[in-house]
C-alpha atoms as a PDB file:
ATOM      1  CA  MET A   1      33.622 -27.811  92.301  1.00  0.00           C
ATOM      2  CA  ASN A   2      36.082 -26.554  94.964  1.00  0.00           C
ATOM      3  CA  SER A   3      37.081 -28.813  98.024  1.00  0.00           C
ATOM      4  CA  SER A   4      34.852 -26.938 100.397  1.00  0.00           C
ATOM      5  CA  LYS A   5      31.653 -27.612  98.319  1.00  0.00           C
ATOM      6  CA  THR A   6      32.721 -31.209  98.077  1.00  0.00           C
ATOM      7  CA  HIS A   7      33.389 -31.385 101.727  1.00  0.00           C
ATOM      8  CA  VAL A   8      29.792 -30.058 102.392  1.00  0.00           C
ATOM      9  CA  LEU A   9      28.281 -32.447 100.068  1.00  0.00           C
ATOM     10  CA  ASN A  10      30.079 -35.478 101.679  1.00  0.00           C
ATOM     11  CA  GLN A  11      29.045 -34.376 105.032  1.00  0.00           C
ATOM     12  CA  LEU A  12      25.314 -33.899 103.920  1.00  0.00           C
ATOM     13  CA  SER A  13      25.461 -37.561 102.564  1.00  0.00           C
ATOM     14  CA  GLN A  14      26.301 -38.857 106.087  1.00  0.00           C
ATOM     15  CA  PHE A  15      22.893 -37.570 107.659  1.00  0.00           C
ATOM     16  CA  THR A  16      20.592 -40.514 107.921  1.00  0.00           C
ATOM     17  CA  GLY A  17      17.490 -39.820 110.290  1.00  0.00           C
ATOM     18  CA  THR A  18      18.002 -37.363 113.001  1.00  0.00           C
ATOM     19  CA  GLU A  19      18.605 -37.158 116.641  1.00  0.00           C
ATOM     20  CA  PHE A  20      17.226 -33.743 117.273  1.00  0.00           C
ATOM     21  CA  TYR A  21      14.686 -31.402 115.852  1.00  0.00           C
ATOM     22  CA  TYR A  22      15.566 -27.756 115.995  1.00  0.00           C
ATOM     23  CA  PRO A  23      12.585 -24.929 115.879  1.00  0.00           C
ATOM     24  CA  LEU A  24      12.823 -22.747 112.866  1.00  0.00           C
ATOM     25  CA  TRP A  25       9.284 -21.360 113.282  1.00  0.00           C
ATOM     26  CA  PRO A  26       6.797 -22.193 115.870  1.00  0.00           C
ATOM     27  CA  LYS A  27       5.470 -25.104 113.729  1.00  0.00           C
ATOM     28  CA  VAL A  28       8.388 -25.708 111.583  1.00  0.00           C
ATOM     29  CA  LEU A  29      11.545 -27.802 112.544  1.00  0.00           C
ATOM     30  CA  LEU A  30      14.740 -28.603 111.094  1.00  0.00           C
ATOM     31  CA  THR A  31      16.616 -31.908 111.174  1.00  0.00           C
ATOM     32  CA  ASP A  32      20.162 -32.282 112.162  1.00  0.00           C
ATOM     33  CA  GLY A  33      21.001 -32.423 108.439  1.00  0.00           C
ATOM     34  CA  THR A  34      18.970 -29.322 107.300  1.00  0.00           C
ATOM     35  CA  LYS A  35      20.439 -27.402 110.263  1.00  0.00           C
ATOM     36  CA  TYR A  36      23.907 -28.108 109.306  1.00  0.00           C
ATOM     37  CA  LEU A  37      23.164 -27.132 105.553  1.00  0.00           C
ATOM     38  CA  ALA A  38      21.668 -23.814 106.841  1.00  0.00           C
ATOM     39  CA  GLU A  39      24.409 -23.138 109.147  1.00  0.00           C
ATOM     40  CA  THR A  40      27.526 -24.195 106.981  1.00  0.00           C
ATOM     41  CA  VAL A  41      26.399 -22.336 103.705  1.00  0.00           C
ATOM     42  CA  GLY A  42      24.238 -19.658 105.314  1.00  0.00           C
ATOM     43  CA  CYS A  43      20.889 -20.609 103.813  1.00  0.00           C
ATOM     44  CA  TYR A  44      18.444 -20.048 106.525  1.00  0.00           C
ATOM     45  CA  TRP A  45      16.753 -17.944 103.843  1.00  0.00           C
ATOM     46  CA  LEU A  46      15.999 -21.175 102.056  1.00  0.00           C
ATOM     47  CA  MET A  47      14.453 -22.874 105.105  1.00  0.00           C
ATOM     48  CA  ASP A  48      12.311 -19.809 105.737  1.00  0.00           C
ATOM     49  CA  ALA A  49      11.330 -19.614 102.031  1.00  0.00           C
ATOM     50  CA  ILE A  50      10.236 -23.415 102.221  1.00  0.00           C
ATOM     51  CA  ALA A  51       8.481 -22.891 105.472  1.00  0.00           C
ATOM     52  CA  SER A  52       6.575 -19.905 104.319  1.00  0.00           C
ATOM     53  CA  HIS A  53       5.084 -22.069 101.519  1.00  0.00           C
ATOM     54  CA  VAL A  54       4.397 -25.306 103.431  1.00  0.00           C
ATOM     55  CA  MET A  55       2.624 -23.428 106.280  1.00  0.00           C
ATOM     56  CA  HIS A  56      -0.214 -22.528 103.842  1.00  0.00           C
ATOM     57  CA  LEU A  57      -0.810 -26.047 102.469  1.00  0.00           C
ATOM     58  CA  GLY A  58      -3.718 -28.073 103.790  1.00  0.00           C
ATOM     59  CA  SER A  59      -3.271 -30.881 105.994  1.00  0.00           C
ATOM     60  CA  ASN A  60      -4.026 -33.181 103.130  1.00  0.00           C
ATOM     61  CA  GLU A  61      -0.597 -32.178 101.868  1.00  0.00           C
ATOM     62  CA  GLY A  62       1.581 -34.075 104.280  1.00  0.00           C
ATOM     63  CA  PHE A  63       4.515 -34.460 102.004  1.00  0.00           C
ATOM     64  CA  THR A  64       6.346 -32.164  99.751  1.00  0.00           C
ATOM     65  CA  SER A  65       9.595 -32.054  97.574  1.00  0.00           C
ATOM     66  CA  CYS A  66      11.439 -28.827  97.595  1.00  0.00           C
ATOM     67  CA  SER A  67      13.832 -28.139  94.755  1.00  0.00           C
ATOM     68  CA  LEU A  68      15.956 -25.184  94.458  1.00  0.00           C
ATOM     69  CA  THR A  69      18.053 -24.599  91.186  1.00  0.00           C
ATOM     70  CA  CYS A  70      20.536 -21.908  90.825  1.00  0.00           C
ATOM     71  CA  THR A  71      22.136 -20.087  87.750  1.00  0.00           C
ATOM     72  CA  ASN A  72      23.933 -16.820  87.292  1.00  0.00           C
ATOM     73  CA  GLY A  73      23.276 -15.662  90.952  1.00  0.00           C
ATOM     74  CA  SER A  74      19.640 -16.330  91.075  1.00  0.00           C
ATOM     75  CA  GLY A  75      17.410 -19.216  91.757  1.00  0.00           C
ATOM     76  CA  ASN A  76      14.058 -20.853  91.534  1.00  0.00           C
ATOM     77  CA  LEU A  77      12.421 -22.796  94.478  1.00  0.00           C
ATOM     78  CA  THR A  78       9.682 -25.229  93.398  1.00  0.00           C
ATOM     79  CA  ILE A  79       7.719 -27.165  95.853  1.00  0.00           C
ATOM     80  CA  THR A  80       5.728 -30.079  94.504  1.00  0.00           C
ATOM     81  CA  ASP A  81       3.785 -32.929  96.263  1.00  0.00           C
ATOM     82  CA  GLY A  82       6.396 -35.463  95.290  1.00  0.00           C
ATOM     83  CA  ASN A  83       4.414 -36.594  92.195  1.00  0.00           C
ATOM     84  CA  GLY A  84       5.223 -33.722  89.915  1.00  0.00           C
ATOM     85  CA  ASN A  85       2.107 -31.586  90.989  1.00  0.00           C
ATOM     86  CA  VAL A  86       3.505 -28.079  91.618  1.00  0.00           C
ATOM     87  CA  LEU A  87       2.304 -26.462  94.875  1.00  0.00           C
ATOM     88  CA  ALA A  88       4.367 -23.360  94.831  1.00  0.00           C
ATOM     89  CA  LYS A  89       6.961 -21.648  93.053  1.00  0.00           C
ATOM     90  CA  GLN A  90       9.238 -18.728  94.145  1.00  0.00           C
ATOM     91  CA  ARG A  91      11.880 -16.782  92.161  1.00  0.00           C
ATOM     92  CA  ILE A  92      14.910 -15.916  94.142  1.00  0.00           C
ATOM     93  CA  PRO A  93      16.218 -12.843  92.395  1.00  0.00           C
ATOM     94  CA  TYR A  94      19.825 -12.961  94.166  1.00  0.00           C
ATOM     95  CA  THR A  95      21.532 -15.899  95.886  1.00  0.00           C
ATOM     96  CA  ASP A  96      25.040 -16.855  96.567  1.00  0.00           C
ATOM     97  CA  PHE A  97      24.021 -20.449  97.287  1.00  0.00           C
ATOM     98  CA  PRO A  98      27.116 -22.610  96.530  1.00  0.00           C
ATOM     99  CA  PHE A  99      25.309 -25.323  94.624  1.00  0.00           C
ATOM    100  CA  ASN A 100      23.422 -25.562  91.357  1.00  0.00           C
ATOM    101  CA  GLU A 101      20.669 -27.518  92.810  1.00  0.00           C
ATOM    102  CA  ILE A 102      19.566 -29.076  96.099  1.00  0.00           C
ATOM    103  CA  SER A 103      16.618 -31.193  96.832  1.00  0.00           C
ATOM    104  CA  LEU A 104      14.967 -31.272 100.349  1.00  0.00           C
ATOM    105  CA  TYR A 105      11.687 -32.638 101.773  1.00  0.00           C
ATOM    106  CA  ALA A 106       9.020 -31.111 104.203  1.00  0.00           C
ATOM    107  CA  CYS A 107       6.877 -33.472 105.938  1.00  0.00           C
ATOM    108  CA  LEU A 108       3.955 -32.892 108.145  1.00  0.00           C
ATOM    109  CA  ASN A 109       4.428 -34.540 111.623  1.00  0.00           C
ATOM    110  CA  GLU A 110       1.176 -34.205 113.704  1.00  0.00           C
ATOM    111  CA  ASP A 111       0.953 -30.231 113.712  1.00  0.00           C
ATOM    112  CA  LYS A 112       4.521 -29.424 112.822  1.00  0.00           C
ATOM    113  CA  TRP A 113       6.297 -29.271 109.476  1.00  0.00           C
ATOM    114  CA  VAL A 114       9.844 -31.039 109.412  1.00  0.00           C
ATOM    115  CA  ILE A 115      12.288 -29.730 106.822  1.00  0.00           C
ATOM    116  CA  LEU A 116      14.820 -32.751 106.024  1.00  0.00           C
ATOM    117  CA  LEU A 117      17.292 -33.977 103.628  1.00  0.00           C
ATOM    118  CA  PRO A 118      16.345 -36.776 101.408  1.00  0.00           C
ATOM    119  CA  SER A 119      18.646 -39.128 103.171  1.00  0.00           C
ATOM    120  CA  GLU A 120      16.801 -38.342 106.433  1.00  0.00           C
ATOM    121  CA  TYR A 121      13.581 -39.419 105.253  1.00  0.00           C
END
């Protein structure tokens, strides 16, 4: 792993909680950590993909675990209820995402979804 990837991962581990919420969609927010990730590695597309799936979940699904795994320039996004029950899957035919995998959460807060790093939960 090159030093810039290591630097980003080290920075991501420093996010605990959030000071601000940043609108991504009218009913989807990013935390400090997910905004940093999206800006630093250019993955707003990942936040949009997660948002597009969680927006269609019923209010009884207030928590999701979102995993992106990448190999050979393509990826798979899997959204579960956190207990292994798959709620959505999406194949990403091409990505330059710099990591082999990442896990994020999306939680329903009143009427808005918040996408956050596991360390911010």
